[in-house]
């Protein structure tokens, strides 16, 4: 009887410790451990990494961190002038590891799916190889579920899902044909783990990405695939958000006092996930990681947690605002 009581106490202590750890960390437990004892980012030195959506935010900061460790880079987005600035920041951060030819800047619109092969060929022509594709380009959304026009659903899925899948299939087929032990990563979101209010199409798109890439992970291809899920992060993403109507942008800045993970820290954790080839990683501020953990591993408790906190508070946390704030 004593033995069963001891086992029960140990189980309770184990789960309490897990909850406390996830409450205070700024990433999932596996990624935190890897950041201390896993492969360092410098193990990627010399590899070729293509980052889409690299002109700002997480993509920009990921490029700078990788450049610091001597990773050769292809940087693409629609904003060529901003990409050139990022290139100069990367060269400066590299401390001589990289030269101008080690960073290839390419103007690219992800929605030009018919031109994806042309873009892909440009990268291979420049570097003669590709090791990691980081699908970072995309846009978020702010809109109430019942007001969203179907055209917005289609437009957001074209950018955040279908363009990503198409480019990733090209990368996979290149890796298979060239014998490269390749790696495909996708920037998902906490909404890929938990359905947050006022972003129905974006949430659905991220869930779709998880479906595509979890399936890729489970098929017998000799490549690695990483799904990285940032929580509230201090970038300019709110300005570019879809709304409920085609052609509109949310066009609101992130509040300076929001409780958000810095873009630099998010990118650092992303780089660690790439170096260690994690299948699924997430990052965010307290107490968001606790919610991610519950949402990912205890779906029945997730509903209880949402009902307890209330939708309004869940939305505040998602937007980096304290509980009970306006």
Protein backbone atom coordinates (compact mmCIF):
# COMPACT_ATOMS: atom_id res chain seq x y z
CA UNK A 1 0.00 0.00 0.00
CA UNK A 2 2.88 2.33 0.87
CA UNK A 3 4.47 1.63 -2.52
CA UNK A 4 1.31 2.65 -4.42
CA UNK A 5 1.02 5.82 -2.32
CA UNK A 6 4.65 6.66 -3.06
CA UNK A 7 4.12 6.15 -6.79
CA UNK A 8 1.03 8.36 -6.68
CA UNK A 9 2.91 11.13 -4.86
CA UNK A 10 5.78 10.93 -7.37
CA UNK A 11 3.34 11.23 -10.30
CA UNK A 12 1.68 14.29 -8.74
CA UNK A 13 5.06 15.91 -8.08
CA UNK A 14 6.16 15.14 -11.65
CA UNK A 15 3.17 16.88 -13.20
CA UNK A 16 3.38 19.83 -10.80
CA UNK A 17 7.02 20.31 -11.76
CA UNK A 18 6.11 20.12 -15.45
CA UNK A 19 3.42 22.76 -15.04
CA UNK A 20 5.81 25.05 -13.15
CA UNK A 21 8.56 24.59 -15.73
CA UNK A 22 6.23 25.39 -18.60
CA UNK A 23 4.86 28.39 -16.75
CA UNK A 24 8.28 30.02 -16.40
CA UNK A 25 10.18 29.00 -19.56
CA UNK A 26 10.03 30.96 -22.82
CA UNK A 27 9.99 27.80 -24.96
CA UNK A 28 9.04 24.14 -24.77
CA UNK A 29 11.05 21.91 -22.42
CA UNK A 30 12.84 19.98 -25.17
CA UNK A 31 14.04 23.17 -26.86
CA UNK A 32 15.16 24.63 -23.53
CA UNK A 33 17.25 21.53 -22.77
CA UNK A 34 18.70 21.57 -26.29
CA UNK A 35 19.65 25.23 -25.83
CA UNK A 36 21.82 24.14 -22.91
CA UNK A 37 23.23 20.76 -23.95
CA UNK A 38 22.18 20.23 -27.58
CA UNK A 39 24.00 20.99 -30.82
CA UNK A 40 25.05 24.66 -31.00
CA UNK A 41 24.00 26.83 -33.93
CA UNK A 42 27.61 26.94 -35.11
CA UNK A 43 27.26 23.31 -36.25
CA UNK A 44 25.37 24.78 -39.23
CA UNK A 45 28.43 26.76 -40.36
CA UNK A 46 28.99 26.51 -44.10
CA UNK A 47 25.52 25.16 -44.85
CA UNK A 48 23.18 26.95 -47.25
CA UNK A 49 19.91 28.12 -45.67
CA UNK A 50 17.14 29.76 -47.68
CA UNK A 51 14.83 31.98 -45.60
CA UNK A 52 11.64 33.28 -47.20
CA UNK A 53 10.10 36.41 -45.70
CA UNK A 54 13.58 37.50 -44.59
CA UNK A 55 13.19 41.29 -44.88
CA UNK A 56 11.81 41.87 -41.37
CA UNK A 57 10.73 40.32 -38.09
CA UNK A 58 11.66 36.76 -37.20
CA UNK A 59 13.06 36.06 -40.69
CA UNK A 60 15.44 39.01 -40.50
CA UNK A 61 16.66 38.17 -37.01
CA UNK A 62 17.05 34.48 -37.86
CA UNK A 63 19.23 35.47 -40.82
CA UNK A 64 21.45 37.64 -38.61
CA UNK A 65 21.87 34.91 -35.99
CA UNK A 66 22.74 32.30 -38.61
CA UNK A 67 25.17 34.70 -40.32
CA UNK A 68 26.90 35.24 -36.96
CA UNK A 69 27.73 31.53 -37.02
CA UNK A 70 28.95 31.44 -40.62
CA UNK A 71 25.84 30.06 -42.32
CA UNK A 72 25.52 30.91 -46.01
CA UNK A 73 22.16 32.48 -46.77
CA UNK A 74 19.59 33.03 -49.46
CA UNK A 75 17.28 35.85 -48.34
CA UNK A 76 14.02 36.33 -50.22
CA UNK A 77 10.94 38.53 -49.94
CA UNK A 78 9.10 41.08 -52.04
CA UNK A 79 11.04 44.00 -50.47
CA UNK A 80 14.40 44.05 -52.23
CA UNK A 81 15.63 47.28 -50.62
CA UNK A 82 14.95 45.90 -47.13
CA UNK A 83 16.67 42.64 -48.05
CA UNK A 84 19.81 44.56 -49.03
CA UNK A 85 19.84 46.16 -45.57
CA UNK A 86 19.48 42.75 -43.96
CA UNK A 87 22.37 41.47 -46.08
CA UNK A 88 24.63 44.22 -44.80
CA UNK A 89 23.57 43.48 -41.21
CA UNK A 90 24.34 39.81 -41.78
CA UNK A 91 27.78 40.53 -43.23
CA UNK A 92 28.59 42.73 -40.27
CA UNK A 93 27.32 40.11 -37.79
CA UNK A 94 29.36 37.35 -39.46
CA UNK A 95 32.67 38.88 -38.27
CA UNK A 96 34.44 37.84 -41.42
CA UNK A 97 32.98 34.34 -41.69
CA UNK A 98 30.91 35.40 -44.70
CA UNK A 99 31.62 37.46 -47.79
CA UNK A 100 29.20 39.17 -50.13
CA UNK A 101 28.83 36.14 -52.38
CA UNK A 102 27.84 33.99 -49.38
CA UNK A 103 24.57 35.91 -49.03
CA UNK A 104 22.27 35.80 -52.04
CA UNK A 105 19.40 38.30 -52.08
CA UNK A 106 16.40 37.48 -54.23
CA UNK A 107 13.21 39.46 -54.83
CA UNK A 108 10.40 36.90 -54.66
CA UNK A 109 6.63 36.95 -54.38
CA UNK A 110 5.50 33.69 -52.80
CA UNK A 111 2.14 34.01 -54.54
CA UNK A 112 3.82 33.67 -57.97
CA UNK A 113 3.60 29.91 -57.71
CA UNK A 114 4.23 29.42 -61.43
CA UNK A 115 7.63 31.09 -60.92
CA UNK A 116 8.69 29.00 -57.90
CA UNK A 117 10.85 26.74 -60.04
CA UNK A 118 12.62 29.75 -61.51
CA UNK A 119 13.31 31.11 -58.03
CA UNK A 120 14.50 27.70 -56.85
CA UNK A 121 16.84 27.35 -59.82
CA UNK A 122 18.38 30.75 -59.05
CA UNK A 123 19.30 29.59 -55.55
CA UNK A 124 20.86 26.36 -56.84
CA UNK A 125 22.69 28.21 -59.63
CA UNK A 126 24.22 30.56 -57.07
CA UNK A 127 25.22 28.10 -54.33
CA UNK A 128 25.22 24.83 -56.32
CA UNK A 129 23.34 23.28 -53.38
CA UNK A 130 20.71 23.85 -50.68
CA UNK A 131 20.70 22.36 -47.19
CA UNK A 132 17.78 23.97 -45.35
CA UNK A 133 14.62 25.69 -46.58
CA UNK A 134 12.96 27.89 -43.95
CA UNK A 135 9.38 28.73 -44.98
CA UNK A 136 8.93 31.94 -43.02
CA UNK A 137 6.90 34.13 -45.39
CA UNK A 138 3.25 34.63 -44.49
CA UNK A 139 0.69 36.92 -42.91
CA UNK A 140 -1.55 36.73 -39.85
CA UNK A 141 -5.17 37.85 -39.46
CA UNK A 142 -7.52 39.72 -37.16
CA UNK A 143 -11.25 39.29 -37.87
CA UNK A 144 -14.42 37.92 -36.28
CA UNK A 145 -15.41 34.47 -37.56
CA UNK A 146 -18.84 35.38 -38.95
CA UNK A 147 -17.65 38.44 -40.90
CA UNK A 148 -14.83 36.87 -42.91
CA UNK A 149 -15.43 36.85 -46.65
CA UNK A 150 -14.63 33.59 -48.39
CA UNK A 151 -12.20 35.33 -50.73
CA UNK A 152 -10.05 36.18 -47.70
CA UNK A 153 -9.97 32.49 -46.73
CA UNK A 154 -8.76 31.62 -50.20
CA UNK A 155 -6.18 34.42 -50.38
CA UNK A 156 -4.71 33.62 -46.97
CA UNK A 157 -4.52 29.90 -47.73
CA UNK A 158 -2.80 30.63 -51.05
CA UNK A 159 -0.03 32.53 -49.22
CA UNK A 160 0.29 30.72 -45.89
CA UNK A 161 -0.39 27.16 -47.06
CA UNK A 162 -0.34 26.38 -50.78
CA UNK A 163 2.70 28.52 -51.65
CA UNK A 164 4.60 26.98 -48.73
CA UNK A 165 3.63 23.43 -49.68
CA UNK A 166 4.56 23.97 -53.33
CA UNK A 167 8.02 25.36 -52.53
CA UNK A 168 8.60 22.62 -49.95
CA UNK A 169 7.78 19.89 -52.47
CA UNK A 170 10.34 21.38 -54.83
CA UNK A 171 12.90 21.33 -52.03
CA UNK A 172 12.03 17.74 -51.10
CA UNK A 173 12.37 16.54 -54.68
CA UNK A 174 15.67 18.39 -55.01
CA UNK A 175 16.98 16.73 -51.83
CA UNK A 176 15.87 13.30 -53.04
CA UNK A 177 17.38 13.78 -56.49
CA UNK A 178 20.69 15.26 -55.33
CA UNK A 179 21.30 13.01 -52.35
CA UNK A 180 21.42 15.97 -49.93
CA UNK A 181 20.35 15.18 -46.35
CA UNK A 182 18.02 18.15 -46.50
CA UNK A 183 15.94 19.93 -43.92
CA UNK A 184 12.62 21.74 -44.42
CA UNK A 185 11.30 24.08 -41.73
CA UNK A 186 8.06 26.01 -41.51
CA UNK A 187 7.16 28.94 -39.30
CA UNK A 188 3.81 28.02 -37.85
CA UNK A 189 2.21 29.71 -34.83
CA UNK A 190 0.69 29.01 -31.46
CA UNK A 191 -2.58 29.00 -33.40
CA UNK A 192 -1.36 25.77 -34.96
CA UNK A 193 -1.60 24.25 -31.45
CA UNK A 194 -4.60 26.08 -29.97
CA UNK A 195 -7.48 27.77 -31.80
CA UNK A 196 -7.39 31.42 -30.74
CA UNK A 197 -10.30 33.82 -31.29
CA UNK A 198 -10.45 36.49 -34.01
CA UNK A 199 -8.12 34.69 -36.43
CA UNK A 200 -10.20 31.88 -37.87
CA UNK A 201 -8.61 31.70 -41.31
CA UNK A 202 -5.07 32.09 -39.97
CA UNK A 203 -5.70 29.42 -37.34
CA UNK A 204 -7.09 27.06 -39.99
CA UNK A 205 -4.09 27.72 -42.23
CA UNK A 206 -1.61 26.90 -39.47
CA UNK A 207 -3.53 23.73 -38.58
CA UNK A 208 -3.33 22.82 -42.26
CA UNK A 209 0.44 23.32 -42.23
CA UNK A 210 0.71 21.00 -39.24
CA UNK A 211 -1.27 18.41 -41.16
CA UNK A 212 1.01 18.67 -44.19
CA UNK A 213 4.30 18.70 -42.31
CA UNK A 214 3.44 16.12 -39.66
CA UNK A 215 2.56 13.82 -42.54
CA UNK A 216 5.90 14.64 -44.19
CA UNK A 217 7.65 13.75 -40.93
CA UNK A 218 5.84 10.41 -40.84
CA UNK A 219 6.65 9.39 -44.41
CA UNK A 220 9.86 7.52 -45.16
CA UNK A 221 11.88 10.33 -46.72
CA UNK A 222 15.55 10.75 -45.74
CA UNK A 223 15.09 14.40 -44.76
CA UNK A 224 14.28 16.36 -41.60
CA UNK A 225 11.24 18.60 -41.07
CA UNK A 226 10.76 21.18 -38.31
CA UNK A 227 7.55 22.95 -37.31
CA UNK A 228 8.35 26.07 -35.27
CA UNK A 229 5.50 27.83 -33.44
CA UNK A 230 6.15 31.36 -32.13
CA UNK A 231 3.81 32.87 -29.58
CA UNK A 232 3.29 36.63 -29.20
CA UNK A 233 6.43 38.17 -30.69
CA UNK A 234 7.49 41.81 -31.01
CA UNK A 235 7.41 42.31 -34.78
CA UNK A 236 5.41 44.50 -37.19
CA UNK A 237 3.12 41.59 -38.15
CA UNK A 238 -0.09 43.36 -37.01
CA UNK A 239 0.35 46.02 -39.67
CA UNK A 240 0.33 43.43 -42.46
CA UNK A 241 -2.47 41.23 -41.04
CA UNK A 242 -5.40 40.12 -43.18
CA UNK A 243 -8.80 41.25 -41.92
CA UNK A 244 -12.28 40.07 -42.93
CA UNK A 245 -12.30 41.81 -46.32
CA UNK A 246 -10.08 41.24 -49.40
CA UNK A 247 -7.30 43.78 -49.87
CA UNK A 248 -7.52 45.20 -46.37
CA UNK A 249 -4.68 45.28 -43.83
CA UNK A 250 -5.15 45.43 -40.07
CA UNK A 251 -2.52 48.19 -40.05
CA UNK A 252 -2.07 48.55 -36.29
CA UNK A 253 1.29 48.64 -34.51
CA UNK A 254 2.24 46.33 -31.67
CA UNK A 255 1.93 48.21 -28.37
CA UNK A 256 5.28 49.01 -26.79
CA UNK A 257 4.12 47.70 -23.39
CA UNK A 258 2.77 44.37 -24.71
CA UNK A 259 4.23 41.28 -23.08
CA UNK A 260 5.82 39.72 -26.12
CA UNK A 261 8.90 37.65 -26.79
CA UNK A 262 11.55 39.71 -28.52
CA UNK A 263 12.06 38.89 -32.19
CA UNK A 264 15.77 38.33 -31.49
CA UNK A 265 15.07 35.73 -28.77
CA UNK A 266 12.48 34.00 -30.93
CA UNK A 267 14.98 33.81 -33.80
CA UNK A 268 17.68 32.46 -31.46
CA UNK A 269 15.36 29.64 -30.35
CA UNK A 270 14.43 29.01 -34.01
CA UNK A 271 18.12 28.65 -34.90
CA UNK A 272 18.59 26.15 -32.06
CA UNK A 273 15.60 24.17 -33.33
CA UNK A 274 17.17 24.07 -36.81
CA UNK A 275 20.57 22.99 -35.50
CA UNK A 276 18.96 20.17 -33.52
CA UNK A 277 16.37 19.25 -36.18
CA UNK A 278 13.46 19.26 -33.74
CA UNK A 279 10.15 18.00 -35.19
CA UNK A 280 8.04 20.50 -33.21
CA UNK A 281 9.14 23.47 -31.10
CA UNK A 282 7.43 26.52 -29.70
CA UNK A 283 8.41 29.77 -28.03
CA UNK A 284 6.55 32.43 -26.09
CA UNK A 285 6.34 34.46 -22.93
CA UNK A 286 4.83 33.47 -19.58
CA UNK A 287 2.12 32.15 -19.17
CA UNK A 288 1.60 31.33 -22.85
CA UNK A 289 3.86 28.28 -22.80
CA UNK A 290 1.66 26.76 -20.11
CA UNK A 291 -1.34 27.19 -22.40
CA UNK A 292 0.60 25.71 -25.36
CA UNK A 293 1.60 22.73 -23.24
CA UNK A 294 -1.97 22.06 -22.12
CA UNK A 295 -3.33 22.63 -25.62
CA UNK A 296 -0.82 20.28 -27.22
CA UNK A 297 -0.78 17.39 -24.75
CA UNK A 298 -4.02 17.63 -22.76
CA UNK A 299 -6.85 18.60 -25.12
CA UNK A 300 -9.55 17.84 -22.53
CA UNK A 301 -7.91 20.18 -20.03
CA UNK A 302 -7.57 22.78 -22.79
CA UNK A 303 -11.32 23.28 -22.94
CA UNK A 304 -11.49 23.59 -19.15
CA UNK A 305 -8.66 26.13 -19.17
CA UNK A 306 -10.29 28.21 -21.91
CA UNK A 307 -13.63 28.17 -20.12
CA UNK A 308 -11.96 29.15 -16.86
CA UNK A 309 -9.95 32.04 -18.29
CA UNK A 310 -12.65 33.15 -20.72
CA UNK A 311 -12.30 33.94 -24.41
CA UNK A 312 -11.59 37.62 -23.75
CA UNK A 313 -8.61 36.80 -21.54
CA UNK A 314 -7.33 34.19 -23.98
CA UNK A 315 -7.41 36.85 -26.70
CA UNK A 316 -5.59 39.32 -24.42
CA UNK A 317 -2.82 36.81 -23.70
CA UNK A 318 -2.48 35.97 -27.39
CA UNK A 319 -2.02 39.70 -28.10
CA UNK A 320 0.55 40.15 -25.35
CA UNK A 321 -1.78 41.94 -22.96
CA UNK A 322 -2.14 41.17 -19.22
CA UNK A 323 -5.25 39.38 -17.94
CA UNK A 324 -8.11 41.78 -17.30
CA UNK A 325 -6.59 44.62 -19.36
CA UNK A 326 -8.44 46.57 -22.04
